Every structure is written in C-alpha cells, then in structure tokens.
C-alpha cells in the first residue's frame, strides 16, 4: 500500500520544536514556509516515494525535496534573474534542437519554447524556489527548471499540473541533457549577462571620473606619497588617473566574455555524450546562439570542459582586481574629503544623509564606504571560488552552485556599487579651491621644481625655512635674490608644476554588445 510521507522528515524534541515554532530563521520553519502545506495539495511520486505538493505550484517533487534538504541560505535562485533567464534560454535551445533532430514531438517543443519565452519575459520567476547553495552539482536547480516548464506547459495544453504523462520534466523538457551540461552552460550564460550589465555601469562611472578630470584640470594641488607631501599635480590629473585605471578593468572584464562563451552542451553526464544523438551538440549550440544573440562555441574536449572550472577562477580574479582598484579609489575619496576642518578637505562629497545620532551636523562619506564593503565581499567571494574550483573531483565539480552564487552576487553588487558611486557621489564632487591654493602656496613640495635653477642645496635650505616660518616658497626665492618674480611665476605655473596640458575630449572606451 502506498503511504503519504509527512511534509518534513526532521525529528525534533518537544522542547526544540517549541523553541523554533516562532523562529522565522529556523531551517524547519524555512522549509515549511516554502512548501506551505496549509493549502490544497497534489501528490507527486519519484524513485524515493511520494510527497504532497501545493496544488498551484509549478514546481514539483524534486524541488520539494531540495527545499527540505537545503534550507541553508534562505536565498532562492529567483534572486538571480540572470540565472533563471539563462536556464530558460538553454531549455529553449534544447527543445528546438531535439525537435530538429527528431527526438522530441514538435508540438511539445513548441510548448516548451513558449514557456521559456514567458520566463525570459519575467514570468514564473517566483517558482524557482530551490536554494542557490545546494548539493548535487546543480541537479536541484535543473530539476526546478524542468518542473516549472513542464507544469506551465501542461497548463497551456489543458492538463492538470503534475500530469506528466502528457509532458514530462525529464523525458521531454530534459531530453538529451544532463545537469552536468545544462547547469554550467546556464551559469556561464548568466555570467555573460551579468558582465555585460556591469560593463555598462562601469563605463558610465569611468566617464564620470573622466568628466571630473576635465572639470578640475587647472586646479593645482599637492600630490602625496606615503601620506607625506610630495610634488604638485592637478586635481584633474588625480581624477583622470581614476578614470584610466577603471578603463583598464573594463578591458579585462570584456576579455572574459569569449571564454565564458565556450560551452559543453551535448556532454551530458561526464562528457561522453551518452543518451544524446551525435548531431545534438552542434544543433543545440546553433539554437542557443539564435535565442541569445551571443556567439557560443562547443568546447573541443567535452570531458575536460565538464570537469574544468578554470574560467570561473579567471572571471572571479578579474572581478577581485576591479573591486580592489575601485575600493582604493574610494579610500582616496574618503581621505581627500576628510575633515571638513581638521582633515585633508580638498574635495567635497555630496551630503547624502545625517552622519551621527549624537554629533549634530556630522556628514559621513557613506557612498565610498558602501563601495568599500562591496569590494571586501568580492575579495571573499574570490577565495570561495578558488576553494570550490580546487575541490572538484574526477569528471565533475560538485561545487559549481557556490561558484555560481559567489560570482553572480559579485557581478550584481559591483554593478550596483558602480551606479551608486557615480550617481550619489562622483557626479556631485566639488573642489575646495581656496584650501588647495593655500596648500600649494605654502607647501615645500614646490621647491622641487626650482632645483634645476637654484641647485639642490639652496632648495633644501629654502624648504627648511619655509617649514619653520610658513612663508611662501616663491617669496623666499625672490627675497634671496635667486630668481626674479617673473621667472618664479613661470616655473611655478600650474602647467609647469603638473607637467600636463589640460584634459580635453571624451575618454575613449571599447563598445560592448547589448544584453540579450
């Protein structure tokens, strides 16, 4: 006799159960909330037995088991819409390919494709419920997608959800596939979407710094090395340097896309292509290119491609590099704006919010601070990706779910960080011109420019005098009879001191293709 198992197989003591009854963060509460068995249910069966599924749910028993098994992050894959859309595009291409080679009924393929288009358009995302961190190398994610597509397809065909005799999540939606080729292909595609979105915001942020470089091109200031006064430069040079260092990271991020576009569709379980028609790999690649608009290539060695996580380490490393450099820029912005009275006070960041519940009038550099914290997270995520890539064994890396989570989160957070830094900070930065002029006038750093004319010894003597008396270097040189006032003015002009011509023209950046 078939029996219906309980919603959860966890065994809890009475005291423990009472303790967590009202705890929204408990694993059991998380599972029961996701499953929501208070409503009407349908019965679904797999090789392990049967389970009740909410009657209106588009997901099925494999998703339900994952909800019970992986109450880890309370962060479902629907939080990564790029991944959900990528899964839909992969399933759409697979349905087209299977129909073309004659292993899937064309009407079923049409229904699957219709559902996939709905998902790409933003529908059904809430049905992708499994936790992003999961065992099984992504099997639960793949089955969640299969079940949602199948059940929505059944609905379109006029059948009840769960009536898989008419459209099966495995035999039809997953035809010619394995998690081991679908999942890595989908996460690579999702990463391409994420990189393209990051590049768009990164380009705008770079342009914002370049614009400030031009705006500040004639404002002289004192440069610093090791936090000590150095030689003069312009504030425009400083901001132009920020723009150019960001442009370099734009190039590195762009270079990752072709590597992500190498896929292993057709590999099925371990790369041998078992259960797939020999024509399938090329046909599915062709259709994936058609539905995404992104050029993709089948890996030359599907066994190697199924087990290798090298591209994920590469992309994660590039993201870490970009995050570290962006964080360094934010450190500089915080230093340059520090004060406003007892700090550097060279620039003014836009006041975004009150800075203290106890000190009236205090305003903190909250935008650079939040970008710093994003960078710290990206650095940590790179360590996770490295460990997960190294931990793979034999023909498959079981830890791609945490790799996907780490990189997709880094991409999203970096994109948002670039946006808020540009809109809420960089665009509104102003220069404290009077303070900068005063610092240059009294700085001994300008004496370096005079050494070719008066010699190092005389320059050192003047520097010492200026430090002890706070007198102007220019005045001391003229008073000592070493140079005329006109000559000093010429040598100490902003153009001479900074060694530059004012920045003109837009910063040229490469062009990226639009996101599909």
Protein backbone atom coordinates (compact mmCIF):
# COMPACT_ATOMS: atom_id res chain seq x y z
CA UNK A 1 0.00 0.00 0.00
CA UNK A 2 1.34 3.43 -0.91
CA UNK A 3 1.67 5.78 2.03
CA UNK A 4 1.99 9.54 2.04
CA UNK A 5 5.06 10.74 3.96
CA UNK A 6 4.92 13.72 6.29
CA UNK A 7 5.88 17.12 4.93
CA UNK A 8 9.19 17.01 6.80
CA UNK A 9 11.32 14.07 7.90
CA UNK A 10 13.18 16.10 10.55
CA UNK A 11 12.86 14.60 14.03
CA UNK A 12 12.78 17.23 16.78
CA UNK A 13 12.41 17.00 20.53
CA UNK A 14 9.32 18.67 22.02
CA UNK A 15 11.42 21.40 23.64
CA UNK A 16 13.31 22.11 20.43
CA UNK A 17 10.13 22.17 18.37
CA UNK A 18 8.54 24.66 20.79
CA UNK A 19 11.65 26.83 20.74
CA UNK A 20 11.73 27.17 16.97
CA UNK A 21 7.97 27.36 16.46
CA UNK A 22 8.05 31.12 16.15
CA UNK A 23 11.58 31.42 14.79
CA UNK A 24 11.42 32.59 11.19
CA UNK A 25 15.12 31.77 10.72
CA UNK A 26 14.93 28.12 11.73
CA UNK A 27 15.65 25.56 8.98
CA UNK A 28 12.39 23.72 9.60
CA UNK A 29 10.34 26.92 9.51
CA UNK A 30 12.09 27.92 6.30
CA UNK A 31 11.18 24.59 4.71
CA UNK A 32 7.56 24.62 5.88
CA UNK A 33 7.11 28.21 4.75
CA UNK A 34 8.44 27.37 1.29
CA UNK A 35 6.29 24.25 1.00
CA UNK A 36 3.16 25.83 2.54
CA UNK A 37 1.16 22.65 3.08
CA UNK A 38 -1.73 24.55 4.62
CA UNK A 39 -3.25 24.85 1.14
CA UNK A 40 -4.69 22.16 -1.12
CA UNK A 41 -2.09 19.70 -2.40
CA UNK A 42 -1.49 17.28 -5.23
CA UNK A 43 0.51 14.08 -4.92
CA UNK A 44 3.75 13.53 -6.88
CA UNK A 45 5.99 10.47 -6.91
CA UNK A 46 9.66 9.88 -7.64
CA UNK A 47 12.03 6.94 -7.08
CA UNK A 48 12.14 7.68 -3.35
CA UNK A 49 8.40 7.78 -2.76
CA UNK A 50 5.58 10.31 -2.81
CA UNK A 51 5.15 13.82 -1.45
CA UNK A 52 2.32 16.35 -1.28
CA UNK A 53 2.90 19.44 -3.46
CA UNK A 54 0.85 22.65 -3.25
CA UNK A 55 -1.73 22.26 -5.98
CA UNK A 56 -0.98 25.64 -7.58
CA UNK A 57 2.80 25.24 -7.53
CA UNK A 58 4.54 24.96 -10.90
CA UNK A 59 7.45 23.14 -9.27
CA UNK A 60 7.23 19.50 -8.26
CA UNK A 61 8.64 16.75 -6.09
CA UNK A 62 12.31 17.20 -6.97
CA UNK A 63 12.08 20.87 -5.99
CA UNK A 64 10.20 19.94 -2.82
CA UNK A 65 12.96 17.55 -1.76
CA UNK A 66 15.54 20.28 -2.39
CA UNK A 67 13.55 22.71 -0.23
CA UNK A 68 13.71 20.16 2.58
CA UNK A 69 17.35 19.20 2.04
CA UNK A 70 18.93 22.62 1.54
CA UNK A 71 17.47 25.17 3.99
CA UNK A 72 20.86 26.90 4.03
CA UNK A 73 20.89 30.43 2.66
CA UNK A 74 17.20 31.34 2.55
CA UNK A 75 18.22 32.74 -0.84
CA UNK A 76 16.39 31.08 -3.71
CA UNK A 77 17.66 31.06 -7.27
CA UNK A 78 14.91 33.52 -8.23
CA UNK A 79 17.13 36.12 -6.55
CA UNK A 80 19.42 35.65 -9.57
CA UNK A 81 17.13 36.57 -12.50
CA UNK A 82 20.02 36.29 -14.96
CA UNK A 83 20.39 32.63 -13.99
CA UNK A 84 16.66 31.99 -14.32
CA UNK A 85 16.61 33.57 -17.78
CA UNK A 86 19.75 31.68 -18.78
CA UNK A 87 18.17 28.38 -17.74
CA UNK A 88 15.12 29.22 -19.86
CA UNK A 89 17.29 30.04 -22.88
CA UNK A 90 19.18 26.77 -22.54
CA UNK A 91 15.95 24.75 -22.26
CA UNK A 92 14.50 26.63 -25.23
CA UNK A 93 17.53 25.81 -27.38
CA UNK A 94 17.40 22.18 -26.26
CA UNK A 95 13.73 21.88 -27.24
CA UNK A 96 14.44 23.35 -30.68
CA UNK A 97 17.42 21.05 -31.19
CA UNK A 98 15.53 17.93 -30.08
CA UNK A 99 12.69 18.74 -32.43
CA UNK A 100 15.08 19.35 -35.32
CA UNK A 101 16.86 16.02 -34.95
CA UNK A 102 13.54 14.22 -34.46
CA UNK A 103 13.73 13.06 -30.84
CA UNK A 104 11.01 15.35 -29.45
CA UNK A 105 7.46 15.88 -30.69
CA UNK A 106 7.34 19.29 -32.44
CA UNK A 107 4.20 20.34 -30.53
CA UNK A 108 5.85 19.58 -27.21
CA UNK A 109 8.89 21.54 -28.34
CA UNK A 110 6.65 24.49 -29.26
CA UNK A 111 5.01 24.44 -25.83
CA UNK A 112 8.38 24.25 -24.06
CA UNK A 113 9.65 27.17 -26.12
CA UNK A 114 6.54 29.24 -25.34
CA UNK A 115 7.03 28.71 -21.62
CA UNK A 116 10.72 29.60 -21.88
CA UNK A 117 9.82 32.87 -23.59
CA UNK A 118 7.46 33.64 -20.71
CA UNK A 119 10.27 33.05 -18.23
CA UNK A 120 12.68 35.26 -20.18
CA UNK A 121 9.99 37.95 -20.11
CA UNK A 122 9.96 37.78 -16.31
CA UNK A 123 7.09 35.37 -15.67
CA UNK A 124 7.22 32.42 -13.24
CA UNK A 125 10.48 33.54 -11.58
CA UNK A 126 8.96 33.10 -8.11
CA UNK A 127 8.59 29.37 -8.90
CA UNK A 128 12.36 28.92 -8.98
CA UNK A 129 12.45 28.18 -5.28
CA UNK A 130 15.46 25.98 -4.52
CA UNK A 131 18.29 27.47 -2.50
CA UNK A 132 21.21 28.64 -4.60
CA UNK A 133 23.63 26.72 -2.35
CA UNK A 134 22.83 23.03 -2.78
CA UNK A 135 24.41 19.63 -3.03
CA UNK A 136 24.22 17.67 -6.26
CA UNK A 137 26.23 19.96 -8.58
CA UNK A 138 23.12 21.92 -9.55
CA UNK A 139 20.74 18.99 -10.09
CA UNK A 140 18.04 20.61 -7.96
CA UNK A 141 18.27 23.83 -9.96
CA UNK A 142 18.00 21.91 -13.23
CA UNK A 143 15.01 19.91 -11.97
CA UNK A 144 13.31 23.03 -10.64
CA UNK A 145 13.55 24.49 -14.15
CA UNK A 146 12.33 21.25 -15.75
CA UNK A 147 9.33 21.05 -13.44
CA UNK A 148 8.28 24.68 -13.82
CA UNK A 149 8.48 24.44 -17.61
CA UNK A 150 6.62 21.14 -17.69
CA UNK A 151 3.81 22.22 -15.36
CA UNK A 152 3.27 25.53 -17.10
CA UNK A 153 3.33 23.64 -20.39
CA UNK A 154 0.70 21.21 -19.10
CA UNK A 155 -1.44 24.16 -18.11
CA UNK A 156 -1.17 25.59 -21.63
CA UNK A 157 -2.07 22.17 -23.05
CA UNK A 158 -5.19 21.95 -20.88
CA UNK A 159 -3.93 19.34 -18.40
CA UNK A 160 -3.51 19.40 -14.62
CA UNK A 161 -0.16 20.22 -13.08
CA UNK A 162 1.70 17.03 -12.27
CA UNK A 163 0.07 15.06 -15.12
CA UNK A 164 3.49 14.26 -16.55
CA UNK A 165 2.24 11.56 -18.92
CA UNK A 166 1.46 14.39 -21.33
CA UNK A 167 4.63 16.47 -20.82
CA UNK A 168 7.44 15.13 -18.68
CA UNK A 169 10.04 17.25 -16.86
CA UNK A 170 12.66 14.56 -17.54
CA UNK A 171 11.71 12.72 -20.73
CA UNK A 172 10.65 15.86 -22.61
CA UNK A 173 12.00 19.07 -21.05
CA UNK A 174 15.30 17.43 -20.12
CA UNK A 175 15.63 15.36 -23.31
CA UNK A 176 19.27 14.83 -24.45
CA UNK A 177 20.50 16.69 -21.39
CA UNK A 178 22.18 16.26 -18.04
CA UNK A 179 22.54 18.73 -15.20
CA UNK A 180 26.24 18.45 -15.92
CA UNK A 181 25.99 20.25 -19.24
CA UNK A 182 22.84 22.34 -18.66
CA UNK A 183 23.90 23.89 -15.36
CA UNK A 184 27.45 25.04 -16.25
CA UNK A 185 26.19 26.36 -19.59
CA UNK A 186 23.41 28.28 -17.86
CA UNK A 187 25.66 29.81 -15.23
CA UNK A 188 28.17 30.84 -17.89
CA UNK A 189 25.38 32.48 -19.87
CA UNK A 190 24.09 34.18 -16.72
CA UNK A 191 27.58 35.46 -16.06
CA UNK A 192 27.79 36.89 -19.58
CA UNK A 193 24.55 38.77 -18.91
CA UNK A 194 25.97 39.99 -15.60
CA UNK A 195 29.31 41.04 -17.08
CA UNK A 196 27.55 43.00 -19.83
CA UNK A 197 25.43 44.82 -17.25
CA UNK A 198 28.49 45.55 -15.12
CA UNK A 199 30.39 46.84 -18.16
CA UNK A 200 27.60 49.28 -18.95
CA UNK A 201 27.66 50.78 -15.42
CA UNK A 202 31.45 50.60 -15.24
CA UNK A 203 31.69 52.60 -18.47
CA UNK A 204 29.39 55.31 -17.10
CA UNK A 205 31.41 55.52 -13.87
CA UNK A 206 34.64 55.80 -15.84
CA UNK A 207 33.16 58.61 -17.91
CA UNK A 208 32.06 60.38 -14.72
CA UNK A 209 35.60 60.36 -13.34
CA UNK A 210 36.95 61.50 -16.71
CA UNK A 211 34.49 64.41 -16.71
CA UNK A 212 35.67 65.45 -13.27
CA UNK A 213 39.24 65.21 -14.52
CA UNK A 214 38.44 67.75 -17.21
CA UNK A 215 36.49 69.95 -14.80
CA UNK A 216 39.39 70.03 -12.34
CA UNK A 217 42.15 70.22 -14.97
CA UNK A 218 43.50 73.63 -13.92
CA UNK A 219 43.20 73.24 -10.15
CA UNK A 220 46.67 72.80 -8.67
CA UNK A 221 47.17 70.68 -5.55
CA UNK A 222 49.89 68.85 -3.67
CA UNK A 223 50.42 65.19 -4.50
CA UNK A 224 51.24 62.76 -1.73
CA UNK A 225 53.34 59.63 -1.41
CA UNK A 226 53.21 57.53 1.75
CA UNK A 227 50.73 60.13 3.09
CA UNK A 228 53.50 62.74 3.04
CA UNK A 229 53.56 65.87 0.88
CA UNK A 230 55.20 65.28 -2.49
CA UNK A 231 55.31 67.37 -5.66
CA UNK A 232 52.43 69.34 -7.17
CA UNK A 233 49.87 67.99 -9.60
CA UNK A 234 46.39 68.99 -10.64
CA UNK A 235 43.20 67.66 -9.15
CA UNK A 236 42.26 66.87 -12.75
CA UNK A 237 45.26 64.58 -13.07
CA UNK A 238 44.18 62.73 -9.95
CA UNK A 239 40.64 62.17 -11.21
CA UNK A 240 41.89 61.39 -14.71
CA UNK A 241 44.04 58.69 -13.15
CA UNK A 242 40.94 57.21 -11.52
CA UNK A 243 39.24 57.14 -14.93
CA UNK A 244 42.13 55.42 -16.67
CA UNK A 245 42.59 52.74 -14.02
CA UNK A 246 38.89 51.93 -14.33
CA UNK A 247 39.19 51.80 -18.13
CA UNK A 248 41.87 49.12 -17.79
CA UNK A 249 39.49 46.97 -15.73
CA UNK A 250 36.79 47.49 -18.35
CA UNK A 251 39.12 45.91 -20.89
CA UNK A 252 39.91 42.95 -18.64
CA UNK A 253 36.21 42.32 -17.91
CA UNK A 254 35.40 42.47 -21.64
CA UNK A 255 38.07 39.88 -22.36
CA UNK A 256 36.33 37.34 -20.10
CA UNK A 257 33.22 37.08 -22.29
CA UNK A 258 34.71 34.95 -25.10
CA UNK A 259 35.99 32.48 -22.51
CA UNK A 260 32.54 32.25 -20.92
CA UNK A 261 31.06 31.53 -24.33
CA UNK A 262 32.72 28.10 -24.55
CA UNK A 263 30.05 25.58 -23.54
CA UNK A 264 29.73 21.83 -23.02
CA UNK A 265 26.16 21.22 -24.22
CA UNK A 266 25.95 17.69 -25.56
CA UNK A 267 28.39 16.40 -22.97
CA UNK A 268 25.50 15.01 -20.86
CA UNK A 269 26.78 13.22 -17.74
CA UNK A 270 30.58 13.28 -17.98
CA UNK A 271 31.41 14.46 -21.48
CA UNK A 272 30.90 11.27 -23.46
CA UNK A 273 27.51 12.40 -24.80
CA UNK A 274 25.66 9.32 -23.61
CA UNK A 275 21.86 9.50 -24.31
CA UNK A 276 22.35 12.33 -26.83
CA UNK A 277 22.24 11.99 -30.61
CA UNK A 278 25.68 12.62 -32.19
CA UNK A 279 24.18 15.58 -34.08
CA UNK A 280 22.79 17.16 -30.95
CA UNK A 281 25.79 19.12 -29.62
CA UNK A 282 26.20 21.23 -32.75
CA UNK A 283 22.47 21.68 -33.29
CA UNK A 284 21.82 22.85 -29.73
CA UNK A 285 24.80 25.22 -29.93
CA UNK A 286 23.35 26.72 -33.11
CA UNK A 287 19.96 27.27 -31.50
CA UNK A 288 21.47 28.70 -28.32
CA UNK A 289 23.25 31.30 -30.44
CA UNK A 290 19.95 32.08 -32.18
CA UNK A 291 17.92 32.59 -28.99
CA UNK A 292 20.59 34.58 -27.12
CA UNK A 293 22.31 36.53 -29.88
CA UNK A 294 25.62 35.55 -28.28
CA UNK A 295 28.25 33.62 -30.22
CA UNK A 296 28.99 30.37 -28.41
CA UNK A 297 31.36 27.56 -29.20
CA UNK A 298 31.31 23.94 -28.19
CA UNK A 299 34.39 23.03 -26.17
CA UNK A 300 36.85 20.87 -28.14
CA UNK A 301 37.10 18.34 -25.28
CA UNK A 302 33.74 17.82 -23.58
CA UNK A 303 35.17 15.60 -20.85
CA UNK A 304 37.67 18.29 -19.87
CA UNK A 305 35.06 21.05 -20.18
CA UNK A 306 32.62 19.20 -17.89
CA UNK A 307 35.14 18.98 -15.05
CA UNK A 308 37.09 22.22 -15.51
CA UNK A 309 36.30 25.39 -13.52
CA UNK A 310 39.15 27.49 -14.88
CA UNK A 311 37.03 30.23 -16.45
CA UNK A 312 35.23 30.77 -13.16
CA UNK A 313 38.53 31.38 -11.39
CA UNK A 314 39.57 33.73 -14.17
CA UNK A 315 36.39 35.81 -14.03
CA UNK A 316 36.40 35.86 -10.25
CA UNK A 317 40.00 37.04 -10.26
CA UNK A 318 39.20 39.83 -12.71
CA UNK A 319 36.26 40.89 -10.52
CA UNK A 320 38.54 40.91 -7.48
CA UNK A 321 41.07 43.07 -9.33
CA UNK A 322 38.34 45.53 -10.37
CA UNK A 323 36.88 45.58 -6.85
CA UNK A 324 40.25 46.18 -5.18
CA UNK A 325 41.08 49.07 -7.51
CA UNK A 326 37.63 50.60 -7.10
CA UNK A 327 37.96 50.28 -3.33
CA UNK A 328 41.35 52.02 -3.45
CA UNK A 329 39.74 54.92 -5.33
CA UNK A 330 37.06 55.09 -2.64
CA UNK A 331 39.77 55.15 0.04
CA UNK A 332 41.29 58.15 -1.77
CA UNK A 333 37.92 59.91 -1.99
CA UNK A 334 37.41 59.47 1.74
CA UNK A 335 40.88 60.80 2.50
CA UNK A 336 40.64 63.75 0.13
CA UNK A 337 37.27 64.75 1.59
CA UNK A 338 38.22 64.12 5.21
CA UNK A 339 37.52 66.88 7.71
CA UNK A 340 35.94 69.13 6.76
CA UNK A 341 38.05 71.28 9.11
CA UNK A 342 40.70 69.00 10.58
CA UNK A 343 41.31 66.70 7.64
CA UNK A 344 42.54 67.00 4.06
CA UNK A 345 39.40 68.83 3.00
CA UNK A 346 40.49 69.08 -0.64
CA UNK A 347 37.22 67.94 -2.17
CA UNK A 348 33.61 67.93 -1.05
CA UNK A 349 31.50 64.81 -1.45
CA UNK A 350 27.73 65.25 -1.77
CA UNK A 351 26.00 65.13 1.61
CA UNK A 352 23.74 62.08 1.39
CA UNK A 353 22.47 61.64 4.96
CA UNK A 354 22.97 62.74 8.54
CA UNK A 355 26.12 61.12 9.85
CA UNK A 356 25.55 60.82 13.56
CA UNK A 357 22.81 60.36 16.13
CA UNK A 358 24.90 62.29 18.67
CA UNK A 359 27.03 64.83 16.75
CA UNK A 360 24.89 67.50 15.04
CA UNK A 361 25.93 68.45 11.53
CA UNK A 362 28.24 65.49 11.00
CA UNK A 363 28.14 64.02 7.48
CA UNK A 364 29.96 60.80 6.60
CA UNK A 365 31.31 59.51 3.25
CA UNK A 366 28.67 56.76 3.17
CA UNK A 367 28.78 56.09 -0.56
CA UNK A 368 32.51 55.29 -0.76
CA UNK A 369 32.10 53.30 2.45
CA UNK A 370 29.43 51.04 0.99
CA UNK A 371 31.53 50.50 -2.15
CA UNK A 372 34.46 49.52 0.09
CA UNK A 373 32.25 46.88 1.69
CA UNK A 374 31.18 45.52 -1.68
CA UNK A 375 34.86 45.15 -2.54
CA UNK A 376 35.52 43.25 0.69
CA UNK A 377 32.71 40.84 -0.23
CA UNK A 378 34.06 40.34 -3.77
CA UNK A 379 37.51 39.59 -2.36
CA UNK A 380 35.99 36.97 -0.05
CA UNK A 381 33.92 35.52 -2.88
CA UNK A 382 37.07 35.02 -4.93
CA UNK A 383 38.54 32.94 -2.12
CA UNK A 384 35.37 30.83 -2.12
CA UNK A 385 35.53 30.32 -5.89
CA UNK A 386 39.18 29.31 -5.66
CA UNK A 387 38.48 26.73 -2.96
CA UNK A 388 35.45 25.37 -4.81
CA UNK A 389 37.36 25.05 -8.09
CA UNK A 390 40.19 23.21 -6.36
CA UNK A 391 37.73 20.92 -4.56
CA UNK A 392 36.33 19.38 -7.73
CA UNK A 393 37.00 15.69 -8.24
CA UNK A 394 37.36 13.49 -11.29
CA UNK A 395 34.77 14.11 -14.06
CA UNK A 396 32.64 16.78 -12.34
CA UNK A 397 32.93 19.71 -9.99
CA UNK A 398 30.14 19.28 -7.44
CA UNK A 399 30.65 22.79 -6.07
CA UNK A 400 29.50 24.86 -9.02
CA UNK A 401 26.44 26.10 -7.07
CA UNK A 402 28.61 28.07 -4.63
CA UNK A 403 30.76 29.25 -7.55
CA UNK A 404 27.62 30.50 -9.31
CA UNK A 405 26.33 32.20 -6.17
CA UNK A 406 29.68 33.86 -5.45
CA UNK A 407 30.28 35.24 -8.95
CA UNK A 408 26.69 36.23 -9.74
CA UNK A 409 26.45 38.06 -6.42
CA UNK A 410 29.76 39.82 -7.06
CA UNK A 411 28.62 40.88 -10.52
CA UNK A 412 25.32 42.24 -9.21
CA UNK A 413 26.86 44.04 -6.23
CA UNK A 414 29.66 45.54 -8.30
CA UNK A 415 27.13 46.79 -10.85
CA UNK A 416 25.05 48.41 -8.12
CA UNK A 417 28.18 49.83 -6.48
CA UNK A 418 29.30 51.49 -9.72
CA UNK A 419 25.85 53.01 -10.11
CA UNK A 420 25.56 54.45 -6.61
CA UNK A 421 29.15 55.72 -6.63
CA UNK A 422 28.51 57.59 -9.87
CA UNK A 423 25.03 58.96 -9.20
CA UNK A 424 25.25 59.59 -5.47
CA UNK A 425 28.89 60.65 -5.20
CA UNK A 426 31.18 61.30 -8.18
CA UNK A 427 28.76 63.42 -10.22
CA UNK A 428 28.38 65.82 -7.28
CA UNK A 429 32.01 66.16 -6.15
CA UNK A 430 33.30 69.72 -5.92
CA UNK A 431 36.80 71.07 -5.30
CA UNK A 432 37.73 73.17 -2.27
CA UNK A 433 39.70 75.59 -4.45
CA UNK A 434 40.74 78.05 -1.75
CA UNK A 435 42.13 75.35 0.50
CA UNK A 436 44.00 73.69 -2.36
CA UNK A 437 45.57 77.01 -3.42
CA UNK A 438 46.68 77.73 0.13
CA UNK A 439 48.26 74.30 0.48
CA UNK A 440 50.19 74.69 -2.76
CA UNK A 441 51.38 78.16 -1.87
CA UNK A 442 52.78 77.09 1.48
CA UNK A 443 53.97 73.61 0.51
CA UNK A 444 57.68 72.90 0.37
CA UNK A 445 56.94 70.34 -2.34
CA UNK A 446 57.01 73.07 -4.99
CA UNK A 447 60.67 73.69 -4.27
CA UNK A 448 61.48 70.53 -6.25
CA UNK A 449 60.56 72.42 -9.43
CA UNK A 450 63.22 75.04 -8.61
CA UNK A 451 66.18 72.71 -8.12
CA UNK A 452 67.27 72.82 -11.80
CA UNK A 453 67.59 76.64 -11.43
CA UNK A 454 68.96 77.17 -7.88
CA UNK A 455 70.52 73.79 -7.06
CA UNK A 456 69.58 71.12 -4.53
CA UNK A 457 71.44 72.68 -1.55
CA UNK A 458 69.79 76.08 -1.90
CA UNK A 459 66.41 74.41 -2.45
CA UNK A 460 66.83 72.33 0.72
CA UNK A 461 67.69 75.45 2.75
CA UNK A 462 64.62 77.23 1.42
CA UNK A 463 62.44 74.22 2.20
CA UNK A 464 63.65 74.20 5.81
CA UNK A 465 62.97 77.93 6.14
CA UNK A 466 59.51 77.57 4.67
CA UNK A 467 58.65 74.76 7.07
CA UNK A 468 59.72 76.73 10.13
CA UNK A 469 58.27 80.11 9.11
CA UNK A 470 55.27 79.03 6.98
CA UNK A 471 56.45 81.54 4.40
CA UNK A 472 55.76 81.17 0.67
CA UNK A 473 58.49 79.38 -1.29
CA UNK A 474 58.05 81.85 -4.15
CA UNK A 475 58.56 84.82 -1.82
CA UNK A 476 61.65 83.26 -0.20
CA UNK A 477 63.29 82.59 -3.60
CA UNK A 478 62.76 86.20 -4.70
CA UNK A 479 63.91 87.60 -1.33
CA UNK A 480 67.11 85.53 -1.55
CA UNK A 481 67.81 87.03 -4.98
CA UNK A 482 68.00 83.60 -6.57
CA UNK A 483 65.35 84.24 -9.22
CA UNK A 484 63.12 87.08 -10.40
CA UNK A 485 59.44 87.10 -9.52
CA UNK A 486 58.56 86.70 -13.19
CA UNK A 487 60.81 83.66 -13.58
CA UNK A 488 59.46 82.08 -10.39
CA UNK A 489 55.89 82.60 -11.60
CA UNK A 490 56.76 80.94 -14.91
CA UNK A 491 58.47 77.93 -13.31
CA UNK A 492 55.73 77.51 -10.70
CA UNK A 493 52.84 77.83 -13.15
CA UNK A 494 50.19 75.07 -12.96
CA UNK A 495 51.18 73.81 -16.41
CA UNK A 496 54.86 73.53 -15.46
CA UNK A 497 54.25 72.11 -12.00
CA UNK A 498 51.83 69.46 -13.19
CA UNK A 499 53.65 68.65 -16.42
CA UNK A 500 50.42 68.41 -18.35
CA UNK A 501 48.12 70.09 -20.81
CA UNK A 502 44.51 70.44 -19.72
CA UNK A 503 42.47 67.29 -20.39
CA UNK A 504 40.25 67.70 -23.44
CA UNK A 505 37.92 65.41 -25.34
CA UNK A 506 36.00 62.35 -24.21
CA UNK A 507 37.68 59.27 -22.78
CA UNK A 508 37.54 56.55 -25.45
CA UNK A 509 36.23 53.19 -24.25
CA UNK A 510 35.51 49.94 -26.11
CA UNK A 511 31.99 49.11 -27.14
CA UNK A 512 30.14 46.06 -25.77
CA UNK A 513 27.26 44.21 -27.44
CA UNK A 514 23.78 44.75 -25.99
CA UNK A 515 22.48 42.29 -23.42
CA UNK A 516 20.09 39.73 -24.87
